[in-house]
Amino acid sequence: MKKFIEKLKHIRIVRACVYAIVGVASYPGLMWVNKLKIEGTEHIENLPRKNVLFVSNHQTYFADVITFLHIFCAIKWRKRNRLGLPYYLLSPFTNVYYVAAEETMNGTFISRLFKLAGALTVKRTWRKEGTEQRRGLDPSDTRKIERALSDSWVITFPQGTTKPFAPGRKGTAHIIKRNRPIVVPVVIGGFWRAFTKKGLTFKKKGSQLSVRFKEPLQIDYDAPVEQILDQIMDAIEQSKKFMLKGKHHVKKSEL
């Protein structure tokens, strides 16, 4: 069954159907119940269709990625920094995968359905008696991401957690160093306030959501992985210097 699901999510028509279902269900929450502000799509309008890696901070398990998929579909229909009406779901942009924790994607029926939208499931953490232990990417997971990069876009969250200002993981830097992709940093905001962490259940209606795409990074691919990771964390505004600027956000997010 696992191998069958893996094959299904690589079939574009299957992913397009999942996009339509998830897109129609999520659009009102993004645009009507809350308000979405998009910036910087001009930086990604003319990108190649492969070997592009989007690196972003992370605030919810699903709402962040679903919003990215909406935006990519809208860009395909020549919309800039806006979604407009979701007729773009009639012919969605499916040339993208996203990295997600395996235990998260196997949690519910909805998450298992959304896995078919292009999830690259990885075993990044394991939990025991309520604790979480960090570890690097499994080699098979790394190969999975690299295969996706070879012919598609990939979205990843270097922190691997929704906790703000958590340290980044070197696995992302290793992938960048080996594959030399175009790296587009993304900074999101407001999702932690609007949605619960594990799904699309509303926590506070009327929230301002924001997604800001920055220019592709100028990366020295021969630099040490630590240097590349530091550059990424600065770009997605999750490094220590941004933590000092945003203590109020950390306090609020823990309430």
Protein backbone atom coordinates (compact mmCIF):
# COMPACT_ATOMS: atom_id res chain seq x y z
CA MET A 1 0.00 0.00 0.00
CA LYS A 2 2.82 2.41 0.86
CA LYS A 3 4.48 1.87 -2.52
CA PHE A 4 1.12 2.34 -4.26
CA ILE A 5 0.58 5.70 -2.53
CA GLU A 6 4.12 6.75 -3.46
CA LYS A 7 3.34 6.03 -7.11
CA LEU A 8 0.02 7.87 -6.96
CA LYS A 9 1.50 11.15 -5.74
CA HIS A 10 3.86 11.26 -8.72
CA ILE A 11 0.92 11.16 -11.14
CA ARG A 12 0.08 14.74 -12.10
CA ILE A 13 -3.66 14.16 -12.59
CA VAL A 14 -3.94 12.68 -9.08
CA ARG A 15 -2.16 15.66 -7.58
CA ALA A 16 -4.32 18.03 -9.60
CA CYS A 17 -7.47 16.43 -8.17
CA VAL A 18 -6.11 16.69 -4.62
CA TYR A 19 -5.20 20.35 -5.24
CA ALA A 20 -8.76 21.02 -6.36
CA ILE A 21 -10.30 19.38 -3.28
CA VAL A 22 -7.91 20.92 -0.78
CA GLY A 23 -7.87 24.25 -2.61
CA VAL A 24 -11.64 24.70 -2.65
CA ALA A 25 -11.86 23.71 1.03
CA SER A 26 -9.05 26.04 2.16
CA TYR A 27 -9.64 29.13 -0.01
CA PRO A 28 -12.37 30.69 2.19
CA GLY A 29 -10.18 30.41 5.29
CA LEU A 30 -7.30 32.16 3.58
CA MET A 31 -9.21 34.90 1.77
CA TRP A 32 -12.56 35.45 3.48
CA VAL A 33 -12.27 34.32 7.10
CA ASN A 34 -8.74 35.75 7.26
CA LYS A 35 -6.84 38.12 4.99
CA LEU A 36 -3.82 37.04 2.93
CA LYS A 37 -1.10 39.47 1.84
CA ILE A 38 1.35 38.19 -0.80
CA GLU A 39 4.60 39.90 -1.76
CA GLY A 40 7.50 39.16 -4.08
CA THR A 41 5.95 36.79 -6.61
CA GLU A 42 7.83 38.72 -9.31
CA HIS A 43 10.95 36.95 -8.03
CA ILE A 44 9.62 33.52 -9.00
CA GLU A 45 7.60 34.16 -12.16
CA ASN A 46 10.43 33.20 -14.53
CA LEU A 47 12.20 30.49 -12.56
CA PRO A 48 13.15 27.22 -14.29
CA ARG A 49 10.81 24.29 -13.72
CA LYS A 50 13.39 22.21 -11.87
CA ASN A 51 16.12 22.43 -9.23
CA VAL A 52 14.42 25.26 -7.33
CA LEU A 53 14.31 25.02 -3.54
CA PHE A 54 11.99 27.21 -1.46
CA VAL A 55 13.16 27.58 2.14
CA SER A 56 10.70 29.01 4.66
CA ASN A 57 9.95 29.44 8.32
CA HIS A 58 7.17 27.19 9.56
CA GLN A 59 4.07 27.99 11.67
CA THR A 60 1.48 25.24 11.07
CA TYR A 61 1.60 21.70 9.77
CA PHE A 62 -0.57 22.25 6.69
CA ALA A 63 -1.82 25.83 6.20
CA ASP A 64 1.64 27.14 5.21
CA VAL A 65 2.14 24.59 2.42
CA ILE A 66 -1.44 24.82 1.18
CA THR A 67 -1.04 28.58 0.84
CA PHE A 68 2.16 28.13 -1.16
CA LEU A 69 0.32 25.79 -3.53
CA HIS A 70 -2.47 28.34 -4.00
CA ILE A 71 0.12 31.02 -4.82
CA PHE A 72 2.04 28.86 -7.29
CA CYS A 73 -1.20 27.98 -9.07
CA ALA A 74 -2.18 31.67 -9.24
CA ILE A 75 1.23 32.57 -10.69
CA LYS A 76 0.73 29.97 -13.41
CA TRP A 77 -2.39 31.93 -14.37
CA ARG A 78 -0.33 35.16 -14.51
CA LYS A 79 -1.54 36.63 -11.25
CA ARG A 80 0.99 38.73 -9.34
CA ASN A 81 0.91 39.06 -5.54
CA ARG A 82 -2.73 38.02 -5.35
CA LEU A 83 -4.96 34.99 -5.62
CA GLY A 84 -8.18 36.44 -6.97
CA LEU A 85 -10.93 33.94 -7.65
CA PRO A 86 -9.68 30.32 -7.44
CA TYR A 87 -10.41 29.35 -11.05
CA TYR A 88 -6.67 28.61 -11.19
CA LEU A 89 -7.54 25.28 -9.54
CA LEU A 90 -9.00 24.16 -12.89
CA SER A 91 -5.42 23.80 -14.13
CA PRO A 92 -3.15 23.89 -11.08
CA PHE A 93 0.63 24.08 -10.96
CA THR A 94 1.63 20.58 -9.90
CA ASN A 95 5.37 20.69 -10.56
CA VAL A 96 6.19 21.06 -6.86
CA TYR A 97 6.82 18.82 -3.86
CA TYR A 98 7.06 19.66 -0.18
CA VAL A 99 9.06 18.12 2.67
CA ALA A 100 7.03 16.94 5.66
CA ALA A 101 7.55 14.76 8.73
CA GLU A 102 6.31 11.22 8.14
CA GLU A 103 4.55 10.98 11.50
CA THR A 104 2.62 14.18 10.72
CA MET A 105 1.44 13.04 7.31
CA ASN A 106 0.24 9.67 8.63
CA GLY A 107 -1.73 11.20 11.50
CA THR A 108 -5.24 11.67 10.06
CA PHE A 109 -7.33 10.91 6.98
CA ILE A 110 -6.96 14.53 5.83
CA SER A 111 -3.18 14.45 6.18
CA ARG A 112 -2.97 11.15 4.30
CA LEU A 113 -5.06 12.67 1.50
CA PHE A 114 -2.87 15.76 1.41
CA LYS A 115 0.18 13.51 1.15
CA LEU A 116 -0.97 12.82 -2.43
CA ALA A 117 -0.42 16.51 -3.22
CA GLY A 118 3.32 15.81 -3.34
CA ALA A 119 4.62 15.18 0.18
CA LEU A 120 8.23 14.05 0.53
CA THR A 121 7.94 12.37 3.91
CA VAL A 122 11.08 12.26 6.03
CA LYS A 123 11.93 10.74 9.40
CA ARG A 124 13.38 13.85 10.96
CA THR A 125 12.50 13.22 14.57
CA TRP A 126 11.31 10.48 16.84
CA ARG A 127 9.32 10.90 20.00
CA LYS A 128 9.49 8.87 23.18
CA GLU A 129 7.41 9.55 26.28
CA GLY A 130 6.53 13.04 25.15
CA THR A 131 10.04 14.11 24.25
CA GLU A 132 11.50 14.89 20.84
CA GLN A 133 15.03 14.02 19.83
CA ARG A 134 16.63 15.70 16.83
CA ARG A 135 18.60 13.84 14.22
CA GLY A 136 19.82 14.38 10.68
CA LEU A 137 18.02 13.33 7.54
CA ASP A 138 18.11 9.65 6.69
CA PRO A 139 20.15 9.04 3.49
CA SER A 140 17.09 7.57 1.76
CA ASP A 141 15.13 10.72 2.63
CA THR A 142 17.91 12.88 1.20
CA ARG A 143 17.84 10.92 -2.06
CA LYS A 144 14.07 11.35 -2.20
CA ILE A 145 14.41 15.13 -2.01
CA GLU A 146 17.25 15.21 -4.52
CA ARG A 147 15.23 13.17 -7.04
CA ALA A 148 12.35 15.63 -6.69
CA LEU A 149 14.71 18.57 -7.25
CA SER A 150 16.00 16.98 -10.45
CA ASP A 151 12.72 17.73 -12.25
CA SER A 152 10.58 19.91 -9.95
CA TRP A 153 10.39 22.63 -7.32
CA VAL A 154 10.66 21.62 -3.66
CA ILE A 155 9.43 23.44 -0.53
CA THR A 156 11.29 22.76 2.69
CA PHE A 157 11.31 24.12 6.22
CA PRO A 158 14.91 24.09 7.52
CA GLN A 159 13.84 24.25 11.16
CA GLY A 160 11.72 21.11 10.91
CA THR A 161 9.40 22.46 13.61
CA THR A 162 6.74 25.14 14.04
CA LYS A 163 8.55 26.58 17.07
CA PRO A 164 9.75 30.10 16.18
CA PHE A 165 13.50 30.72 16.07
CA ALA A 166 14.37 27.04 16.47
CA PRO A 167 17.83 26.28 15.02
CA GLY A 168 18.04 25.16 11.42
CA ARG A 169 19.09 21.66 10.44
CA LYS A 170 22.22 20.99 8.43
CA GLY A 171 20.44 18.52 6.15
CA THR A 172 19.03 21.41 4.10
CA ALA A 173 22.49 22.95 3.69
CA HIS A 174 23.94 19.59 2.62
CA ILE A 175 21.26 19.24 -0.05
CA ILE A 176 21.96 22.76 -1.31
CA LYS A 177 25.69 22.13 -1.40
CA ARG A 178 25.34 18.89 -3.37
CA ASN A 179 22.59 19.89 -5.81
CA ARG A 180 23.29 23.62 -6.27
CA PRO A 181 19.63 24.62 -6.68
CA ILE A 182 18.22 28.10 -7.01
CA VAL A 183 17.26 28.88 -3.40
CA VAL A 184 14.29 31.18 -2.78
CA PRO A 185 13.74 32.30 0.83
CA VAL A 186 10.18 32.82 2.03
CA VAL A 187 9.01 34.56 5.20
CA ILE A 188 5.48 33.84 6.43
CA GLY A 189 3.52 35.40 9.27
CA GLY A 190 0.16 35.25 11.02
CA PHE A 191 -0.55 31.56 10.43
CA TRP A 192 0.19 30.60 14.05
CA ARG A 193 -2.39 33.16 15.13
CA ALA A 194 -5.10 32.18 12.64
CA PHE A 195 -4.91 28.38 12.70
CA THR A 196 -4.29 25.60 15.16
CA LYS A 197 -0.93 23.92 14.77
CA LYS A 198 -2.17 20.52 13.55
CA GLY A 199 -4.69 21.48 10.94
CA LEU A 200 -6.86 24.12 9.37
CA THR A 201 -9.14 24.64 12.37
CA PHE A 202 -9.52 28.34 13.03
CA LYS A 203 -7.99 29.77 16.18
CA LYS A 204 -8.54 33.48 15.59
CA LYS A 205 -10.67 34.69 12.69
CA GLY A 206 -9.87 37.93 10.91
CA SER A 207 -6.11 37.42 11.18
CA GLN A 208 -3.64 38.99 8.77
CA LEU A 209 -1.67 36.28 6.95
CA SER A 210 1.47 37.16 5.02
CA VAL A 211 3.73 35.36 2.56
CA ARG A 212 6.80 37.23 1.29
CA PHE A 213 9.05 35.76 -1.39
CA LYS A 214 12.56 37.20 -1.45
CA GLU A 215 15.03 37.28 -4.31
CA PRO A 216 16.94 34.02 -4.90
CA LEU A 217 20.02 33.83 -2.70
CA GLN A 218 23.54 34.28 -4.01
CA ILE A 219 25.13 31.18 -2.49
CA ASP A 220 28.73 30.05 -2.45
CA TYR A 221 28.07 26.35 -2.94
CA ASP A 222 31.67 25.54 -2.00
CA ALA A 223 31.31 27.18 1.42
CA PRO A 224 31.00 25.04 4.59
CA VAL A 225 27.51 23.76 5.36
CA GLU A 226 27.47 25.86 8.54
CA GLN A 227 27.94 29.04 6.51
CA ILE A 228 25.22 28.07 4.04
CA LEU A 229 22.83 27.26 6.90
CA ASP A 230 23.55 30.60 8.58
CA GLN A 231 22.76 32.39 5.31
CA ILE A 232 19.46 30.52 5.02
CA MET A 233 18.41 31.24 8.60
CA ASP A 234 19.13 34.93 8.12
CA ALA A 235 17.15 34.94 4.87
CA ILE A 236 14.05 33.39 6.44
CA GLU A 237 14.46 35.73 9.45
CA GLN A 238 14.82 32.98 12.03
CA SER A 239 18.42 33.60 13.15
CA LYS A 240 19.45 34.94 16.55
CA LYS A 241 19.57 38.54 15.40
CA PHE A 242 15.90 38.35 14.36
CA MET A 243 14.97 36.60 17.60
CA LEU A 244 16.22 39.63 19.51
CA LYS A 245 13.96 41.82 17.39
CA GLY A 246 10.93 39.60 17.86
CA LYS A 247 10.75 38.61 21.52
CA HIS A 248 7.15 39.80 21.66
CA HIS A 249 6.25 37.25 18.95
CA VAL A 250 7.85 34.40 20.86
CA LYS A 251 5.94 35.30 24.00
CA LYS A 252 2.64 35.55 22.19
CA SER A 253 3.16 32.30 20.30
CA GLU A 254 3.61 30.45 23.57
CA LEU A 255 0.29 31.61 24.98
